[in-house]
């Protein structure tokens, strides 16, 4: 991508993009790789007010070693005997007709 930026936008744009690339990799190393695999501590902790903005409000989260999984919400039992793929708001709208054709 840096090469394409260099060819298409010139050396100044490639320098800007390379500084972003270096900053992103340094941040990943200092906040995740070094504390997790190097035995060090997180050198750039996220401020609490920003962490609260992005906290999950899901209560059914399952934390695993490879990520976080959320269970889908439980569906209520339908009062009708047949199940339908349509949501409740569409059940009263009739069978519908195909557009175009005979």
PDB file of N, CA and C in Angstrom:
ATOM      1  N   UNK A   1       0.821  -1.190   0.000  1.00  0.00           N
ATOM      2  CA  UNK A   1       0.000   0.000   0.000  1.00  0.00           C
ATOM      3  C   UNK A   1       0.867   1.256   0.000  1.00  0.00           C
ATOM      4  N   UNK A   2       1.978   1.176   0.725  1.00  0.00           N
ATOM      5  CA  UNK A   2       2.879   2.327   0.707  1.00  0.00           C
ATOM      6  C   UNK A   2       3.441   2.567  -0.688  1.00  0.00           C
ATOM      7  N   UNK A   3       3.756   1.484  -1.379  1.00  0.00           N
ATOM      8  CA  UNK A   3       4.274   1.615  -2.732  1.00  0.00           C
ATOM      9  C   UNK A   3       3.227   2.232  -3.657  1.00  0.00           C
ATOM     10  N   UNK A   4       1.987   1.801  -3.530  1.00  0.00           N
ATOM     11  CA  UNK A   4       0.920   2.369  -4.354  1.00  0.00           C
ATOM     12  C   UNK A   4       0.713   3.851  -4.027  1.00  0.00           C
ATOM     13  N   UNK A   5       0.788   4.204  -2.752  1.00  0.00           N
ATOM     14  CA  UNK A   5       0.669   5.610  -2.371  1.00  0.00           C
ATOM     15  C   UNK A   5       1.827   6.411  -2.940  1.00  0.00           C
ATOM     16  N   UNK A   6       3.025   5.848  -2.891  1.00  0.00           N
ATOM     17  CA  UNK A   6       4.193   6.525  -3.442  1.00  0.00           C
ATOM     18  C   UNK A   6       4.028   6.768  -4.940  1.00  0.00           C
ATOM     19  N   UNK A   7       3.537   5.763  -5.655  1.00  0.00           N
ATOM     20  CA  UNK A   7       3.364   5.884  -7.105  1.00  0.00           C
ATOM     21  C   UNK A   7       2.230   6.845  -7.453  1.00  0.00           C
ATOM     22  N   UNK A   8       1.101   6.722  -6.741  1.00  0.00           N
ATOM     23  CA  UNK A   8      -0.091   7.480  -7.129  1.00  0.00           C
ATOM     24  C   UNK A   8      -0.148   8.885  -6.536  1.00  0.00           C
ATOM     25  N   UNK A   9       0.367   9.068  -5.308  1.00  0.00           N
ATOM     26  CA  UNK A   9       0.210  10.370  -4.650  1.00  0.00           C
ATOM     27  C   UNK A   9       1.532  11.084  -4.399  1.00  0.00           C
ATOM     28  N   UNK A  10       2.640  10.383  -4.546  1.00  0.00           N
ATOM     29  CA  UNK A  10       3.924  11.051  -4.378  1.00  0.00           C
ATOM     30  C   UNK A  10       4.587  10.737  -3.049  1.00  0.00           C
ATOM     31  N   UNK A  11       5.831  11.191  -2.895  1.00  0.00           N
ATOM     32  CA  UNK A  11       6.601  10.855  -1.695  1.00  0.00           C
ATOM     33  C   UNK A  11       6.078  11.506  -0.413  1.00  0.00           C
ATOM     34  N   UNK A  12       5.480  12.690  -0.517  1.00  0.00           N
ATOM     35  CA  UNK A  12       4.970  13.338   0.694  1.00  0.00           C
ATOM     36  C   UNK A  12       3.821  12.541   1.306  1.00  0.00           C
ATOM     37  N   UNK A  13       2.908  12.057   0.484  1.00  0.00           N
ATOM     38  CA  UNK A  13       1.788  11.255   0.989  1.00  0.00           C
ATOM     39  C   UNK A  13       2.288   9.924   1.535  1.00  0.00           C
ATOM     40  N   UNK A  14       3.307   9.349   0.919  1.00  0.00           N
ATOM     41  CA  UNK A  14       3.868   8.089   1.411  1.00  0.00           C
ATOM     42  C   UNK A  14       4.528   8.283   2.770  1.00  0.00           C
ATOM     43  N   UNK A  15       5.175   9.434   2.994  1.00  0.00           N
ATOM     44  CA  UNK A  15       5.773   9.717   4.300  1.00  0.00           C
ATOM     45  C   UNK A  15       4.707   9.825   5.373  1.00  0.00           C
ATOM     46  N   UNK A  16       3.611  10.496   5.072  1.00  0.00           N
ATOM     47  CA  UNK A  16       2.519  10.631   6.031  1.00  0.00           C
ATOM     48  C   UNK A  16       1.925   9.261   6.350  1.00  0.00           C
ATOM     49  N   UNK A  17       1.713   8.449   5.321  1.00  0.00           N
ATOM     50  CA  UNK A  17       1.153   7.124   5.531  1.00  0.00           C
ATOM     51  C   UNK A  17       2.115   6.237   6.317  1.00  0.00           C
ATOM     52  N   UNK A  18       3.400   6.364   6.079  1.00  0.00           N
ATOM     53  CA  UNK A  18       4.368   5.535   6.813  1.00  0.00           C
ATOM     54  C   UNK A  18       4.428   5.929   8.286  1.00  0.00           C
ATOM     55  N   UNK A  19       4.274   7.209   8.613  1.00  0.00           N
ATOM     56  CA  UNK A  19       4.252   7.596  10.029  1.00  0.00           C
ATOM     57  C   UNK A  19       3.023   7.027  10.723  1.00  0.00           C
ATOM     58  N   UNK A  20       1.900   6.978  10.026  1.00  0.00           N
ATOM     59  CA  UNK A  20       0.701   6.357  10.594  1.00  0.00           C
ATOM     60  C   UNK A  20       0.883   4.870  10.804  1.00  0.00           C
ATOM     61  N   UNK A  21       1.537   4.222   9.860  1.00  0.00           N
ATOM     62  CA  UNK A  21       1.811   2.791   9.966  1.00  0.00           C
ATOM     63  C   UNK A  21       2.736   2.497  11.148  1.00  0.00           C
ATOM     64  N   UNK A  22       3.764   3.295  11.307  1.00  0.00           N
ATOM     65  CA  UNK A  22       4.698   3.115  12.427  1.00  0.00           C
ATOM     66  C   UNK A  22       3.995   3.378  13.758  1.00  0.00           C
ATOM     67  N   UNK A  23       3.176   4.423  13.825  1.00  0.00           N
ATOM     68  CA  UNK A  23       2.460   4.742  15.064  1.00  0.00           C
ATOM     69  C   UNK A  23       1.475   3.640  15.438  1.00  0.00           C
ATOM     70  N   UNK A  24       0.778   3.082  14.462  1.00  0.00           N
ATOM     71  CA  UNK A  24      -0.190   2.012  14.746  1.00  0.00           C
ATOM     72  C   UNK A  24       0.508   0.755  15.250  1.00  0.00           C
ATOM     73  N   UNK A  25       1.628   0.404  14.629  1.00  0.00           N
ATOM     74  CA  UNK A  25       2.354  -0.784  15.080  1.00  0.00           C
ATOM     75  C   UNK A  25       2.992  -0.561  16.453  1.00  0.00           C
ATOM     76  N   UNK A  26       3.488   0.627  16.724  1.00  0.00           N
ATOM     77  CA  UNK A  26       4.058   0.930  18.041  1.00  0.00           C
ATOM     78  C   UNK A  26       2.977   0.863  19.118  1.00  0.00           C
ATOM     79  N   UNK A  27       1.805   1.390  18.833  1.00  0.00           N
ATOM     80  CA  UNK A  27       0.703   1.341  19.799  1.00  0.00           C
ATOM     81  C   UNK A  27       0.293  -0.101  20.073  1.00  0.00           C
ATOM     82  N   UNK A  28       0.180  -0.918  19.042  1.00  0.00           N
ATOM     83  CA  UNK A  28      -0.180  -2.319  19.218  1.00  0.00           C
ATOM     84  C   UNK A  28       0.874  -3.043  20.053  1.00  0.00           C
ATOM     85  N   UNK A  29       2.132  -2.769  19.798  1.00  0.00           N
ATOM     86  CA  UNK A  29       3.199  -3.410  20.555  1.00  0.00           C
ATOM     87  C   UNK A  29       3.168  -2.990  22.020  1.00  0.00           C
ATOM     88  N   UNK A  30       3.028  -1.695  22.282  1.00  0.00           N
ATOM     89  CA  UNK A  30       3.108  -1.192  23.654  1.00  0.00           C
ATOM     90  C   UNK A  30       1.878  -1.513  24.487  1.00  0.00           C
ATOM     91  N   UNK A  31       0.716  -1.661  23.860  1.00  0.00           N
ATOM     92  CA  UNK A  31      -0.504  -1.893  24.634  1.00  0.00           C
ATOM     93  C   UNK A  31      -0.944  -3.350  24.667  1.00  0.00           C
ATOM     94  N   UNK A  32      -0.555  -4.165  23.691  1.00  0.00           N
ATOM     95  CA  UNK A  32      -1.037  -5.534  23.634  1.00  0.00           C
ATOM     96  C   UNK A  32       0.080  -6.567  23.623  1.00  0.00           C
ATOM     97  N   UNK A  33       1.007  -6.460  22.696  1.00  0.00           N
ATOM     98  CA  UNK A  33       2.022  -7.499  22.540  1.00  0.00           C
ATOM     99  C   UNK A  33       3.016  -7.544  23.700  1.00  0.00           C
ATOM    100  N   UNK A  34       3.561  -6.414  24.082  1.00  0.00           N
ATOM    101  CA  UNK A  34       4.536  -6.384  25.163  1.00  0.00           C
ATOM    102  C   UNK A  34       3.925  -6.841  26.490  1.00  0.00           C
ATOM    103  N   UNK A  35       2.754  -6.342  26.900  1.00  0.00           N
ATOM    104  CA  UNK A  35       2.185  -6.823  28.162  1.00  0.00           C
ATOM    105  C   UNK A  35       1.783  -8.309  28.110  1.00  0.00           C
ATOM    106  N   UNK A  36       1.279  -8.765  26.990  1.00  0.00           N
ATOM    107  CA  UNK A  36       0.764 -10.128  26.921  1.00  0.00           C
ATOM    108  C   UNK A  36       1.872 -11.160  26.748  1.00  0.00           C
ATOM    109  N   UNK A  37       2.839 -10.893  25.909  1.00  0.00           N
ATOM    110  CA  UNK A  37       3.851 -11.896  25.597  1.00  0.00           C
ATOM    111  C   UNK A  37       5.233 -11.569  26.157  1.00  0.00           C
ATOM    112  N   UNK A  38       5.510 -10.309  26.422  1.00  0.00           N
ATOM    113  CA  UNK A  38       6.830  -9.927  26.900  1.00  0.00           C
ATOM    114  C   UNK A  38       6.938  -9.843  28.406  1.00  0.00           C
ATOM    115  N   UNK A  39       5.822  -9.949  29.097  1.00  0.00           N
ATOM    116  CA  UNK A  39       5.854  -9.890  30.549  1.00  0.00           C
ATOM    117  C   UNK A  39       5.935  -8.488  31.105  1.00  0.00           C
ATOM    118  N   UNK A  40       5.813  -7.496  30.260  1.00  0.00           N
ATOM    119  CA  UNK A  40       5.872  -6.110  30.731  1.00  0.00           C
ATOM    120  C   UNK A  40       4.491  -5.613  31.126  1.00  0.00           C
ATOM    121  N   UNK A  41       4.403  -4.322  31.349  1.00  0.00           N
ATOM    122  CA  UNK A  41       3.105  -3.723  31.675  1.00  0.00           C
ATOM    123  C   UNK A  41       2.656  -2.850  30.514  1.00  0.00           C
ATOM    124  N   UNK A  42       1.377  -2.528  30.484  1.00  0.00           N
ATOM    125  CA  UNK A  42       0.819  -1.680  29.436  1.00  0.00           C
ATOM    126  C   UNK A  42       1.387  -0.274  29.607  1.00  0.00           C
ATOM    127  N   UNK A  43       2.172   0.170  28.646  1.00  0.00           N
ATOM    128  CA  UNK A  43       2.828   1.464  28.760  1.00  0.00           C
ATOM    129  C   UNK A  43       1.942   2.632  28.330  1.00  0.00           C
ATOM    130  N   UNK A  44       0.844   2.346  27.640  1.00  0.00           N
ATOM    131  CA  UNK A  44      -0.088   3.392  27.202  1.00  0.00           C
ATOM    132  C   UNK A  44      -1.517   2.999  27.577  1.00  0.00           C
ATOM    133  N   UNK A  45      -1.878   3.068  28.855  1.00  0.00           N
ATOM    134  CA  UNK A  45      -3.231   2.649  29.236  1.00  0.00           C
ATOM    135  C   UNK A  45      -4.291   3.604  28.674  1.00  0.00           C
ATOM    136  N   UNK A  46      -5.433   3.034  28.343  1.00  0.00           N
ATOM    137  CA  UNK A  46      -6.546   3.833  27.826  1.00  0.00           C
ATOM    138  C   UNK A  46      -7.192   4.580  28.984  1.00  0.00           C
ATOM    139  N   UNK A  47      -7.452   5.882  28.855  1.00  0.00           N
ATOM    140  CA  UNK A  47      -8.128   6.615  29.923  1.00  0.00           C
ATOM    141  C   UNK A  47      -9.505   6.007  30.219  1.00  0.00           C
ATOM    142  N   UNK A  48      -9.913   6.051  31.482  1.00  0.00           N
ATOM    143  CA  UNK A  48     -11.166   5.418  31.902  1.00  0.00           C
ATOM    144  C   UNK A  48     -12.388   5.995  31.195  1.00  0.00           C
ATOM    145  N   UNK A  49     -12.423   7.302  30.978  1.00  0.00           N
ATOM    146  CA  UNK A  49     -13.611   7.882  30.354  1.00  0.00           C
ATOM    147  C   UNK A  49     -13.760   7.405  28.915  1.00  0.00           C
ATOM    148  N   UNK A  50     -12.668   7.127  28.227  1.00  0.00           N
ATOM    149  CA  UNK A  50     -12.761   6.596  26.860  1.00  0.00           C
ATOM    150  C   UNK A  50     -13.135   5.113  26.904  1.00  0.00           C
ATOM    151  N   UNK A  51     -12.579   4.365  27.843  1.00  0.00           N
ATOM    152  CA  UNK A  51     -12.919   2.941  27.966  1.00  0.00           C
ATOM    153  C   UNK A  51     -14.405   2.766  28.254  1.00  0.00           C
ATOM    154  N   UNK A  52     -15.006   3.653  29.056  1.00  0.00           N
ATOM    155  CA  UNK A  52     -16.444   3.555  29.356  1.00  0.00           C
ATOM    156  C   UNK A  52     -17.291   3.799  28.114  1.00  0.00           C
ATOM    157  N   UNK A  53     -16.828   4.639  27.193  1.00  0.00           N
ATOM    158  CA  UNK A  53     -17.578   4.887  25.959  1.00  0.00           C
ATOM    159  C   UNK A  53     -17.747   3.623  25.133  1.00  0.00           C
ATOM    160  N   UNK A  54     -16.743   2.744  25.171  1.00  0.00           N
ATOM    161  CA  UNK A  54     -16.746   1.575  24.302  1.00  0.00           C
ATOM    162  C   UNK A  54     -17.017   0.273  25.035  1.00  0.00           C
ATOM    163  N   UNK A  55     -17.418   0.327  26.295  1.00  0.00           N
ATOM    164  CA  UNK A  55     -17.728  -0.897  27.021  1.00  0.00           C
ATOM    165  C   UNK A  55     -19.006  -1.508  26.472  1.00  0.00           C
ATOM    166  N   UNK A  56     -19.062  -2.816  26.473  1.00  0.00           N
ATOM    167  CA  UNK A  56     -20.223  -3.536  25.975  1.00  0.00           C
ATOM    168  C   UNK A  56     -21.335  -3.488  27.010  1.00  0.00           C
ATOM    169  N   UNK A  57     -22.560  -3.300  26.551  1.00  0.00           N
ATOM    170  CA  UNK A  57     -23.712  -3.319  27.443  1.00  0.00           C
ATOM    171  C   UNK A  57     -24.393  -4.678  27.434  1.00  0.00           C
ATOM    172  N   UNK A  58     -23.870  -5.619  26.662  1.00  0.00           N
ATOM    173  CA  UNK A  58     -24.429  -6.965  26.602  1.00  0.00           C
ATOM    174  C   UNK A  58     -24.153  -7.673  27.922  1.00  0.00           C
ATOM    175  N   UNK A  59     -25.175  -8.346  28.462  1.00  0.00           N
ATOM    176  CA  UNK A  59     -24.981  -9.078  29.704  1.00  0.00           C
ATOM    177  C   UNK A  59     -24.673 -10.546  29.452  1.00  0.00           C
ATOM    178  N   UNK A  60     -24.840 -11.007  28.231  1.00  0.00           N
ATOM    179  CA  UNK A  60     -24.616 -12.411  27.935  1.00  0.00           C
ATOM    180  C   UNK A  60     -23.277 -12.632  27.247  1.00  0.00           C
ATOM    181  N   UNK A  61     -22.281 -11.839  27.590  1.00  0.00           N
ATOM    182  CA  UNK A  61     -20.975 -11.977  26.954  1.00  0.00           C
ATOM    183  C   UNK A  61     -20.226 -13.160  27.558  1.00  0.00           C
ATOM    184  N   UNK A  62     -19.570 -13.893  26.713  1.00  0.00           N
ATOM    185  CA  UNK A  62     -18.728 -14.996  27.134  1.00  0.00           C
ATOM    186  C   UNK A  62     -17.307 -14.670  26.701  1.00  0.00           C
ATOM    187  N   UNK A  63     -16.418 -14.518  27.654  1.00  0.00           N
ATOM    188  CA  UNK A  63     -15.037 -14.168  27.324  1.00  0.00           C
ATOM    189  C   UNK A  63     -14.244 -15.447  27.106  1.00  0.00           C
ATOM    190  N   UNK A  64     -13.610 -15.537  25.974  1.00  0.00           N
ATOM    191  CA  UNK A  64     -12.813 -16.701  25.632  1.00  0.00           C
ATOM    192  C   UNK A  64     -11.401 -16.245  25.332  1.00  0.00           C
ATOM    193  N   UNK A  65     -10.490 -17.180  25.189  1.00  0.00           N
ATOM    194  CA  UNK A  65      -9.095 -16.822  24.962  1.00  0.00           C
ATOM    195  C   UNK A  65      -8.882 -16.178  23.593  1.00  0.00           C
ATOM    196  N   UNK A  66      -9.823 -16.344  22.682  1.00  0.00           N
ATOM    197  CA  UNK A  66      -9.648 -15.813  21.340  1.00  0.00           C
ATOM    198  C   UNK A  66     -10.617 -14.695  21.009  1.00  0.00           C
ATOM    199  N   UNK A  67     -11.344 -14.191  21.995  1.00  0.00           N
ATOM    200  CA  UNK A  67     -12.256 -13.083  21.719  1.00  0.00           C
ATOM    201  C   UNK A  67     -13.463 -13.117  22.628  1.00  0.00           C
ATOM    202  N   UNK A  68     -14.469 -12.355  22.298  1.00  0.00           N
ATOM    203  CA  UNK A  68     -15.696 -12.289  23.069  1.00  0.00           C
ATOM    204  C   UNK A  68     -16.846 -12.715  22.184  1.00  0.00           C
ATOM    205  N   UNK A  69     -17.660 -13.617  22.673  1.00  0.00           N
ATOM    206  CA  UNK A  69     -18.812 -14.098  21.917  1.00  0.00           C
ATOM    207  C   UNK A  69     -20.087 -13.668  22.623  1.00  0.00           C
ATOM    208  N   UNK A  70     -21.076 -13.262  21.853  1.00  0.00           N
ATOM    209  CA  UNK A  70     -22.360 -12.867  22.405  1.00  0.00           C
ATOM    210  C   UNK A  70     -23.418 -13.847  21.946  1.00  0.00           C
ATOM    211  N   UNK A  71     -24.251 -14.290  22.880  1.00  0.00           N
ATOM    212  CA  UNK A  71     -25.347 -15.176  22.524  1.00  0.00           C
ATOM    213  C   UNK A  71     -26.489 -14.339  21.965  1.00  0.00           C
ATOM    214  N   UNK A  72     -27.203 -14.854  20.970  1.00  0.00           N
ATOM    215  CA  UNK A  72     -28.350 -14.102  20.463  1.00  0.00           C
ATOM    216  C   UNK A  72     -29.454 -14.062  21.508  1.00  0.00           C
ATOM    217  N   UNK A  73     -30.258 -13.032  21.445  1.00  0.00           N
ATOM    218  CA  UNK A  73     -31.354 -12.877  22.392  1.00  0.00           C
ATOM    219  C   UNK A  73     -32.340 -14.030  22.231  1.00  0.00           C
ATOM    220  N   UNK A  74     -32.891 -14.489  23.347  1.00  0.00           N
ATOM    221  CA  UNK A  74     -33.864 -15.578  23.316  1.00  0.00           C
ATOM    222  C   UNK A  74     -35.167 -15.062  22.727  1.00  0.00           C
ATOM    223  N   UNK A  75     -35.737 -15.846  21.828  1.00  0.00           N
ATOM    224  CA  UNK A  75     -37.013 -15.460  21.232  1.00  0.00           C
ATOM    225  C   UNK A  75     -38.149 -15.968  22.088  1.00  0.00           C
ATOM    226  N   UNK A  76     -39.208 -15.171  22.152  1.00  0.00           N
ATOM    227  CA  UNK A  76     -40.378 -15.584  22.909  1.00  0.00           C
ATOM    228  C   UNK A  76     -41.158 -16.613  22.109  1.00  0.00           C
ATOM    229  N   UNK A  77     -41.857 -17.492  22.809  1.00  0.00           N
ATOM    230  CA  UNK A  77     -42.656 -18.515  22.142  1.00  0.00           C
ATOM    231  C   UNK A  77     -43.813 -17.848  21.409  1.00  0.00           C
ATOM    232  N   UNK A  78     -44.011 -18.253  20.175  1.00  0.00           N
ATOM    233  CA  UNK A  78     -45.062 -17.667  19.364  1.00  0.00           C
ATOM    234  C   UNK A  78     -46.410 -18.235  19.755  1.00  0.00           C
ATOM    235  N   UNK A  79     -47.465 -17.419  19.719  1.00  0.00           N
ATOM    236  CA  UNK A  79     -48.799 -17.885  20.093  1.00  0.00           C
ATOM    237  C   UNK A  79     -49.432 -18.697  18.972  1.00  0.00           C
ATOM    238  N   UNK A  80     -48.926 -18.571  17.751  1.00  0.00           N
ATOM    239  CA  UNK A  80     -49.482 -19.344  16.642  1.00  0.00           C
ATOM    240  C   UNK A  80     -48.746 -20.666  16.543  1.00  0.00           C
ATOM    241  N   UNK A  81     -49.426 -21.657  15.978  1.00  0.00           N
ATOM    242  CA  UNK A  81     -48.815 -22.984  15.904  1.00  0.00           C
ATOM    243  C   UNK A  81     -47.754 -23.061  14.820  1.00  0.00           C
ATOM    244  N   UNK A  82     -47.915 -22.327  13.713  1.00  0.00           N
ATOM    245  CA  UNK A  82     -46.935 -22.356  12.631  1.00  0.00           C
ATOM    246  C   UNK A  82     -45.881 -21.298  12.829  1.00  0.00           C
ATOM    247  N   UNK A  83     -44.670 -21.625  12.493  1.00  0.00           N
ATOM    248  CA  UNK A  83     -43.614 -20.628  12.613  1.00  0.00           C
ATOM    249  C   UNK A  83     -43.440 -19.928  11.270  1.00  0.00           C
ATOM    250  N   UNK A  84     -43.035 -18.688  11.320  1.00  0.00           N
ATOM    251  CA  UNK A  84     -42.868 -17.896  10.116  1.00  0.00           C
ATOM    252  C   UNK A  84     -41.547 -17.150  10.197  1.00  0.00           C
ATOM    253  N   UNK A  85     -40.978 -16.877   9.035  1.00  0.00           N
ATOM    254  CA  UNK A  85     -39.740 -16.110   9.011  1.00  0.00           C
ATOM    255  C   UNK A  85     -40.009 -14.618   9.069  1.00  0.00           C
ATOM    256  N   UNK A  86     -41.255 -14.223   8.913  1.00  0.00           N
ATOM    257  CA  UNK A  86     -41.607 -12.803   8.927  1.00  0.00           C
ATOM    258  C   UNK A  86     -41.721 -12.288  10.349  1.00  0.00           C
ATOM    259  N   UNK A  87     -41.322 -11.049  10.587  1.00  0.00           N
ATOM    260  CA  UNK A  87     -41.535 -10.462  11.909  1.00  0.00           C
ATOM    261  C   UNK A  87     -43.023 -10.201  12.137  1.00  0.00           C
ATOM    262  N   UNK A  88     -43.392  -9.982  13.377  1.00  0.00           N
ATOM    263  CA  UNK A  88     -44.795  -9.788  13.742  1.00  0.00           C
ATOM    264  C   UNK A  88     -45.447  -8.647  12.968  1.00  0.00           C
ATOM    265  N   UNK A  89     -44.720  -7.571  12.699  1.00  0.00           N
ATOM    266  CA  UNK A  89     -45.311  -6.423  12.027  1.00  0.00           C
ATOM    267  C   UNK A  89     -45.710  -6.726  10.582  1.00  0.00           C
ATOM    268  N   UNK A  90     -45.143  -7.762   9.966  1.00  0.00           N
ATOM    269  CA  UNK A  90     -45.447  -8.082   8.577  1.00  0.00           C
ATOM    270  C   UNK A  90     -46.520  -9.143   8.441  1.00  0.00           C
ATOM    271  N   UNK A  91     -46.915  -9.812   9.521  1.00  0.00           N
ATOM    272  CA  UNK A  91     -47.875 -10.910   9.429  1.00  0.00           C
ATOM    273  C   UNK A  91     -49.273 -10.440   9.058  1.00  0.00           C
ATOM    274  N   UNK A  92     -49.621  -9.217   9.364  1.00  0.00           N
ATOM    275  CA  UNK A  92     -50.964  -8.719   9.086  1.00  0.00           C
ATOM    276  C   UNK A  92     -51.058  -8.040   7.722  1.00  0.00           C
ATOM    277  N   UNK A  93     -50.050  -8.087   6.915  1.00  0.00           N
ATOM    278  CA  UNK A  93     -50.040  -7.355   5.656  1.00  0.00           C
ATOM    279  C   UNK A  93     -50.504  -8.162   4.458  1.00  0.00           C
ATOM    280  N   UNK A  94     -50.862  -9.392   4.622  1.00  0.00           N
ATOM    281  CA  UNK A  94     -51.378 -10.184   3.515  1.00  0.00           C
ATOM    282  C   UNK A  94     -50.285 -10.981   2.819  1.00  0.00           C
ATOM    283  N   UNK A  95     -50.686 -11.673   1.746  1.00  0.00           N
ATOM    284  CA  UNK A  95     -49.750 -12.566   1.061  1.00  0.00           C
ATOM    285  C   UNK A  95     -48.830 -11.836   0.113  1.00  0.00           C
ATOM    286  N   UNK A  96     -49.244 -10.681  -0.381  1.00  0.00           N
ATOM    287  CA  UNK A  96     -48.409  -9.927  -1.302  1.00  0.00           C
ATOM    288  C   UNK A  96     -48.527 -10.461  -2.724  1.00  0.00           C
ATOM    289  N   UNK A  97     -48.066  -9.688  -3.671  1.00  0.00           N
ATOM    290  CA  UNK A  97     -48.137 -10.065  -5.081  1.00  0.00           C
ATOM    291  C   UNK A  97     -46.806  -9.748  -5.737  1.00  0.00           C
ATOM    292  N   UNK A  98     -46.424 -10.553  -6.687  1.00  0.00           N
ATOM    293  CA  UNK A  98     -45.187 -10.333  -7.424  1.00  0.00           C
ATOM    294  C   UNK A  98     -45.371  -9.179  -8.380  1.00  0.00           C
ATOM    295  N   UNK A  99     -44.409  -8.280  -8.424  1.00  0.00           N
ATOM    296  CA  UNK A  99     -44.488  -7.145  -9.338  1.00  0.00           C
ATOM    297  C   UNK A  99     -44.024  -7.553 -10.724  1.00  0.00           C
ATOM    298  N   UNK A 100     -44.661  -6.992 -11.738  1.00  0.00           N
ATOM    299  CA  UNK A 100     -44.307  -7.323 -13.108  1.00  0.00           C
ATOM    300  C   UNK A 100     -44.848  -8.703 -13.461  1.00  0.00           C
ATOM    301  N   UNK A 101     -45.003  -9.001 -14.642  1.00  0.00           N
ATOM    302  CA  UNK A 101     -45.521 -10.307 -15.030  1.00  0.00           C
ATOM    303  C   UNK A 101     -46.999 -10.228 -15.342  1.00  0.00           C
ATOM    304  N   UNK A 102     -47.633 -11.372 -15.402  1.00  0.00           N
ATOM    305  CA  UNK A 102     -49.044 -11.426 -15.833  1.00  0.00           C
ATOM    306  C   UNK A 102     -49.988 -11.043 -14.763  1.00  0.00           C
TER     307      UNK A 102
END
